[in-house]
Amino acid sequence: MDDKATSGSSVDVGGTSTSSGVVMIAMDGSEHSFYAFDWYMDFLYKSGQTIIVAHCPDYKSILRTPVMSTDSSVMSRMIQQSEAEVDKIVAQIKAKMSSSKHIDAKLLRLSGEAGSTIVKAADEYKATCIVTGSRGLGSVRRTLVGSVSSYILHHAHCPVLVCQPKHQGDVKP
């Protein structure tokens, strides 16, 4: 795995060429993001592409906890637990990247609001395509809880491939 990302072109994703370009794969550690990674590698990956796996952890659960303002030791433990979970997810992503074809890949650990941060990183690295998974939320739930894949789809400046399994059983836990 290389630490440099370069830009280039060729693989058809909706008419856009990405073969020797930079493809950003957004992974949050969910089975849906691993499915998207596997699907892309199995069906669209071409030698010469630079793969940037973008991981943007979600710390919203810590920020919404009522304990936050009352007990700093509890808050500290919650942060440590969250960091341990993020480290575990990062290790799983690195293992997935290592077990894949001999790829030119880089893991990019981001922070911030996932959707906008991934779109900004894609712009900075001149990604020719963004690949993301989807939980398949209905329109009401997506409106209430938000959807990273929906945000990326509507705000990215390059083609976006949203991978959703045909059946819930297609996703490996």
C-alpha atoms as a PDB file:
ATOM      1  CA  MET A   1       0.000   0.000   0.000  1.00  0.00           C
ATOM      2  CA  ASP A   2       1.305   3.370  -0.997  1.00  0.00           C
ATOM      3  CA  ASP A   3       0.811   6.645   0.828  1.00  0.00           C
ATOM      4  CA  LYS A   4       0.549   8.747  -2.339  1.00  0.00           C
ATOM      5  CA  ALA A   5      -2.634   9.249  -4.314  1.00  0.00           C
ATOM      6  CA  THR A   6      -2.421  10.234  -7.946  1.00  0.00           C
ATOM      7  CA  SER A   7      -4.980  11.194 -10.535  1.00  0.00           C
ATOM      8  CA  GLY A   8      -5.508   9.690 -13.968  1.00  0.00           C
ATOM      9  CA  SER A   9      -8.296   7.894 -15.949  1.00  0.00           C
ATOM     10  CA  SER A  10     -10.470   4.490 -17.467  1.00  0.00           C
ATOM     11  CA  VAL A  11     -13.337   1.660 -15.936  1.00  0.00           C
ATOM     12  CA  ASP A  12     -16.814   2.635 -16.855  1.00  0.00           C
ATOM     13  CA  VAL A  13     -18.902   3.815 -13.923  1.00  0.00           C
ATOM     14  CA  GLY A  14     -21.970   5.365 -15.467  1.00  0.00           C
ATOM     15  CA  GLY A  15     -20.009   6.497 -18.510  1.00  0.00           C
ATOM     16  CA  THR A  16     -17.135   7.951 -16.507  1.00  0.00           C
ATOM     17  CA  SER A  17     -13.660   6.553 -16.912  1.00  0.00           C
ATOM     18  CA  THR A  18     -11.695   5.602 -13.743  1.00  0.00           C
ATOM     19  CA  SER A  19      -9.071   2.945 -14.625  1.00  0.00           C
ATOM     20  CA  SER A  20      -5.846   4.645 -13.601  1.00  0.00           C
ATOM     21  CA  GLY A  21      -7.569   7.295 -11.532  1.00  0.00           C
ATOM     22  CA  VAL A  22      -8.268   7.742  -7.860  1.00  0.00           C
ATOM     23  CA  VAL A  23     -11.269   5.894  -6.466  1.00  0.00           C
ATOM     24  CA  MET A  24     -12.426   6.786  -2.965  1.00  0.00           C
ATOM     25  CA  ILE A  25     -14.249   4.062  -1.056  1.00  0.00           C
ATOM     26  CA  ALA A  26     -16.125   5.348   1.993  1.00  0.00           C
ATOM     27  CA  MET A  27     -16.073   2.772   4.805  1.00  0.00           C
ATOM     28  CA  ASP A  28     -17.605   3.154   8.242  1.00  0.00           C
ATOM     29  CA  GLY A  29     -16.891  -0.406   9.385  1.00  0.00           C
ATOM     30  CA  SER A  30     -20.446  -1.627   8.769  1.00  0.00           C
ATOM     31  CA  GLU A  31     -21.144  -4.784   6.798  1.00  0.00           C
ATOM     32  CA  HIS A  32     -22.647  -2.542   4.101  1.00  0.00           C
ATOM     33  CA  SER A  33     -19.379  -0.674   3.642  1.00  0.00           C
ATOM     34  CA  PHE A  34     -17.419  -3.946   3.444  1.00  0.00           C
ATOM     35  CA  TYR A  35     -19.958  -5.199   0.881  1.00  0.00           C
ATOM     36  CA  ALA A  36     -19.378  -2.031  -1.195  1.00  0.00           C
ATOM     37  CA  PHE A  37     -15.595  -2.509  -0.988  1.00  0.00           C
ATOM     38  CA  ASP A  38     -15.855  -6.179  -2.055  1.00  0.00           C
ATOM     39  CA  TRP A  39     -18.312  -5.395  -4.868  1.00  0.00           C
ATOM     40  CA  TYR A  40     -16.079  -2.682  -6.262  1.00  0.00           C
ATOM     41  CA  MET A  41     -12.961  -4.847  -6.068  1.00  0.00           C
ATOM     42  CA  ASP A  42     -14.749  -7.846  -7.653  1.00  0.00           C
ATOM     43  CA  PHE A  43     -16.506  -6.044 -10.504  1.00  0.00           C
ATOM     44  CA  LEU A  44     -14.878  -2.694 -11.294  1.00  0.00           C
ATOM     45  CA  TYR A  45     -11.328  -2.518  -9.946  1.00  0.00           C
ATOM     46  CA  LYS A  46      -8.632  -2.256 -12.611  1.00  0.00           C
ATOM     47  CA  SER A  47      -4.898  -2.450 -12.108  1.00  0.00           C
ATOM     48  CA  GLY A  48      -3.371   1.006 -11.973  1.00  0.00           C
ATOM     49  CA  GLN A  49      -6.170   2.595  -9.982  1.00  0.00           C
ATOM     50  CA  THR A  50      -5.313   4.233  -6.702  1.00  0.00           C
ATOM     51  CA  ILE A  51      -7.778   3.277  -4.009  1.00  0.00           C
ATOM     52  CA  ILE A  52      -8.311   5.643  -1.100  1.00  0.00           C
ATOM     53  CA  VAL A  53     -10.353   4.114   1.691  1.00  0.00           C
ATOM     54  CA  ALA A  54     -11.924   6.961   3.645  1.00  0.00           C
ATOM     55  CA  HIS A  55     -12.996   6.269   7.226  1.00  0.00           C
ATOM     56  CA  CYS A  56     -14.805   8.996   9.147  1.00  0.00           C
ATOM     57  CA  PRO A  57     -15.843   7.784  12.633  1.00  0.00           C
ATOM     58  CA  ASP A  58     -19.169   8.881  14.088  1.00  0.00           C
ATOM     59  CA  TYR A  59     -18.871  10.395  17.575  1.00  0.00           C
ATOM     60  CA  LYS A  60     -22.439  11.715  17.703  1.00  0.00           C
ATOM     61  CA  SER A  61     -23.501   9.194  20.378  1.00  0.00           C
ATOM     62  CA  ILE A  62     -20.937  10.624  22.805  1.00  0.00           C
ATOM     63  CA  LEU A  63     -22.018  14.191  22.149  1.00  0.00           C
ATOM     64  CA  ARG A  64     -25.682  13.389  22.767  1.00  0.00           C
ATOM     65  CA  THR A  65     -25.188  11.641  26.098  1.00  0.00           C
ATOM     66  CA  PRO A  66     -26.655  13.399  29.161  1.00  0.00           C
ATOM     67  CA  VAL A  67     -23.697  12.186  31.263  1.00  0.00           C
ATOM     68  CA  MET A  68     -21.374  14.472  29.313  1.00  0.00           C
ATOM     69  CA  SER A  69     -21.835  17.483  31.547  1.00  0.00           C
ATOM     70  CA  THR A  70     -21.982  15.700  34.914  1.00  0.00           C
ATOM     71  CA  ASP A  71     -19.100  13.248  35.252  1.00  0.00           C
ATOM     72  CA  SER A  72     -15.794  13.753  33.453  1.00  0.00           C
ATOM     73  CA  SER A  73     -14.477  10.263  34.330  1.00  0.00           C
ATOM     74  CA  VAL A  74     -17.498   8.632  32.694  1.00  0.00           C
ATOM     75  CA  MET A  75     -17.026  10.860  29.669  1.00  0.00           C
ATOM     76  CA  SER A  76     -13.340   9.936  29.515  1.00  0.00           C
ATOM     77  CA  ARG A  77     -14.194   6.212  29.577  1.00  0.00           C
ATOM     78  CA  MET A  78     -16.772   6.715  26.823  1.00  0.00           C
ATOM     79  CA  ILE A  79     -14.195   8.481  24.653  1.00  0.00           C
ATOM     80  CA  GLN A  80     -11.660   5.707  25.288  1.00  0.00           C
ATOM     81  CA  GLN A  81     -14.251   3.062  24.383  1.00  0.00           C
ATOM     82  CA  SER A  82     -15.127   4.944  21.200  1.00  0.00           C
ATOM     83  CA  GLU A  83     -11.464   5.253  20.252  1.00  0.00           C
ATOM     84  CA  ALA A  84     -10.958   1.521  20.895  1.00  0.00           C
ATOM     85  CA  GLU A  85     -13.929   0.781  18.605  1.00  0.00           C
ATOM     86  CA  VAL A  86     -12.533   3.090  15.910  1.00  0.00           C
ATOM     87  CA  ASP A  87      -9.123   1.382  16.197  1.00  0.00           C
ATOM     88  CA  LYS A  88     -10.840  -2.011  15.810  1.00  0.00           C
ATOM     89  CA  ILE A  89     -12.699  -0.819  12.696  1.00  0.00           C
ATOM     90  CA  VAL A  90      -9.504   0.673  11.230  1.00  0.00           C
ATOM     91  CA  ALA A  91      -7.726  -2.668  11.825  1.00  0.00           C
ATOM     92  CA  GLN A  92     -10.568  -4.507  10.015  1.00  0.00           C
ATOM     93  CA  ILE A  93     -10.359  -2.082   7.093  1.00  0.00           C
ATOM     94  CA  LYS A  94      -6.559  -2.480   6.897  1.00  0.00           C
ATOM     95  CA  ALA A  95      -6.965  -6.273   6.937  1.00  0.00           C
ATOM     96  CA  LYS A  96      -9.537  -6.050   4.126  1.00  0.00           C
ATOM     97  CA  MET A  97      -7.205  -3.828   2.092  1.00  0.00           C
ATOM     98  CA  SER A  98      -4.265  -6.188   2.656  1.00  0.00           C
ATOM     99  CA  SER A  99      -6.252  -9.282   1.696  1.00  0.00           C
ATOM    100  CA  SER A 100      -7.458  -7.760  -1.567  1.00  0.00           C
ATOM    101  CA  LYS A 101      -5.667  -7.925  -4.892  1.00  0.00           C
ATOM    102  CA  HIS A 102      -2.304  -6.222  -5.022  1.00  0.00           C
ATOM    103  CA  ILE A 103      -3.705  -2.732  -4.928  1.00  0.00           C
ATOM    104  CA  ASP A 104      -2.263   0.740  -4.662  1.00  0.00           C
ATOM    105  CA  ALA A 105      -4.254   1.823  -1.601  1.00  0.00           C
ATOM    106  CA  LYS A 106      -4.221   4.359   1.170  1.00  0.00           C
ATOM    107  CA  LEU A 107      -6.330   4.529   4.312  1.00  0.00           C
ATOM    108  CA  LEU A 108      -7.511   8.038   5.060  1.00  0.00           C
ATOM    109  CA  ARG A 109      -8.790   8.580   8.593  1.00  0.00           C
ATOM    110  CA  LEU A 110     -11.034  11.627   8.609  1.00  0.00           C
ATOM    111  CA  SER A 111     -12.903  13.540  11.279  1.00  0.00           C
ATOM    112  CA  GLY A 112     -16.028  15.636  11.092  1.00  0.00           C
ATOM    113  CA  GLU A 113     -19.488  15.210   9.621  1.00  0.00           C
ATOM    114  CA  ALA A 114     -19.049  12.079   7.468  1.00  0.00           C
ATOM    115  CA  GLY A 115     -20.861  13.113   4.280  1.00  0.00           C
ATOM    116  CA  SER A 116     -19.351  16.555   3.829  1.00  0.00           C
ATOM    117  CA  THR A 117     -15.911  15.414   5.002  1.00  0.00           C
ATOM    118  CA  ILE A 118     -15.812  12.571   2.469  1.00  0.00           C
ATOM    119  CA  VAL A 119     -16.943  14.869  -0.365  1.00  0.00           C
ATOM    120  CA  LYS A 120     -14.255  17.404   0.591  1.00  0.00           C
ATOM    121  CA  ALA A 121     -11.571  14.672   0.740  1.00  0.00           C
ATOM    122  CA  ALA A 122     -12.679  13.358  -2.668  1.00  0.00           C
ATOM    123  CA  ASP A 123     -12.198  16.858  -4.078  1.00  0.00           C
ATOM    124  CA  GLU A 124      -8.784  17.249  -2.430  1.00  0.00           C
ATOM    125  CA  TYR A 125      -7.543  13.890  -3.768  1.00  0.00           C
ATOM    126  CA  LYS A 126      -9.150  14.498  -7.176  1.00  0.00           C
ATOM    127  CA  ALA A 127     -11.191  11.292  -6.949  1.00  0.00           C
ATOM    128  CA  THR A 128     -12.711  10.182 -10.236  1.00  0.00           C
ATOM    129  CA  CYS A 129     -15.362   8.148  -8.389  1.00  0.00           C
ATOM    130  CA  ILE A 130     -16.676   7.611  -4.839  1.00  0.00           C
ATOM    131  CA  VAL A 131     -17.947   4.183  -3.769  1.00  0.00           C
ATOM    132  CA  THR A 132     -20.154   3.824  -0.701  1.00  0.00           C
ATOM    133  CA  GLY A 133     -22.503   1.311   0.844  1.00  0.00           C
ATOM    134  CA  SER A 134     -26.085   1.965   1.833  1.00  0.00           C
ATOM    135  CA  ARG A 135     -28.210   0.702   4.691  1.00  0.00           C
ATOM    136  CA  GLY A 136     -31.310   0.996   2.545  1.00  0.00           C
ATOM    137  CA  LEU A 137     -33.235   3.330   4.831  1.00  0.00           C
ATOM    138  CA  GLY A 138     -36.701   4.349   3.739  1.00  0.00           C
ATOM    139  CA  SER A 139     -37.327   7.986   2.849  1.00  0.00           C
ATOM    140  CA  VAL A 140     -38.826   8.869   6.257  1.00  0.00           C
ATOM    141  CA  ARG A 141     -35.987   7.287   8.286  1.00  0.00           C
ATOM    142  CA  ARG A 142     -33.394   8.764   5.918  1.00  0.00           C
ATOM    143  CA  THR A 143     -34.924  12.207   6.462  1.00  0.00           C
ATOM    144  CA  LEU A 144     -34.981  11.802  10.243  1.00  0.00           C
ATOM    145  CA  VAL A 145     -31.578  10.197  10.858  1.00  0.00           C
ATOM    146  CA  GLY A 146     -29.757  11.325   7.725  1.00  0.00           C
ATOM    147  CA  SER A 147     -27.851   9.272   5.207  1.00  0.00           C
ATOM    148  CA  VAL A 148     -24.169   9.610   4.430  1.00  0.00           C
ATOM    149  CA  SER A 149     -24.568   7.888   1.059  1.00  0.00           C
ATOM    150  CA  SER A 150     -27.441  10.226   0.131  1.00  0.00           C
ATOM    151  CA  TYR A 151     -25.373  13.285   1.104  1.00  0.00           C
ATOM    152  CA  ILE A 152     -22.412  12.063  -0.955  1.00  0.00           C
ATOM    153  CA  LEU A 153     -24.645  11.257  -3.920  1.00  0.00           C
ATOM    154  CA  HIS A 154     -26.135  14.747  -3.979  1.00  0.00           C
ATOM    155  CA  HIS A 155     -23.014  16.812  -3.179  1.00  0.00           C
ATOM    156  CA  ALA A 156     -20.038  15.025  -4.777  1.00  0.00           C
ATOM    157  CA  HIS A 157     -18.336  16.559  -7.807  1.00  0.00           C
ATOM    158  CA  CYS A 158     -17.624  13.149  -9.356  1.00  0.00           C
ATOM    159  CA  PRO A 159     -19.667  10.014 -10.085  1.00  0.00           C
ATOM    160  CA  VAL A 160     -20.891   8.101  -7.014  1.00  0.00           C
ATOM    161  CA  LEU A 161     -21.534   4.367  -6.871  1.00  0.00           C
ATOM    162  CA  VAL A 162     -23.899   3.391  -4.043  1.00  0.00           C
ATOM    163  CA  CYS A 163     -23.726  -0.375  -3.447  1.00  0.00           C
ATOM    164  CA  GLN A 164     -26.739  -1.909  -1.805  1.00  0.00           C
ATOM    165  CA  PRO A 165     -27.137  -5.693  -1.639  1.00  0.00           C
ATOM    166  CA  LYS A 166     -30.135  -7.155  -3.477  1.00  0.00           C
ATOM    167  CA  HIS A 167     -31.191  -8.984  -0.329  1.00  0.00           C
ATOM    168  CA  GLN A 168     -30.321  -8.393   3.306  1.00  0.00           C
ATOM    169  CA  GLY A 169     -28.769 -11.907   3.333  1.00  0.00           C
ATOM    170  CA  ASP A 170     -26.208 -10.816   0.723  1.00  0.00           C
ATOM    171  CA  VAL A 171     -24.362  -8.816   3.385  1.00  0.00           C
ATOM    172  CA  LYS A 172     -21.930 -10.839   5.488  1.00  0.00           C
ATOM    173  CA  PRO A 173     -21.980  -9.915   9.195  1.00  0.00           C
END
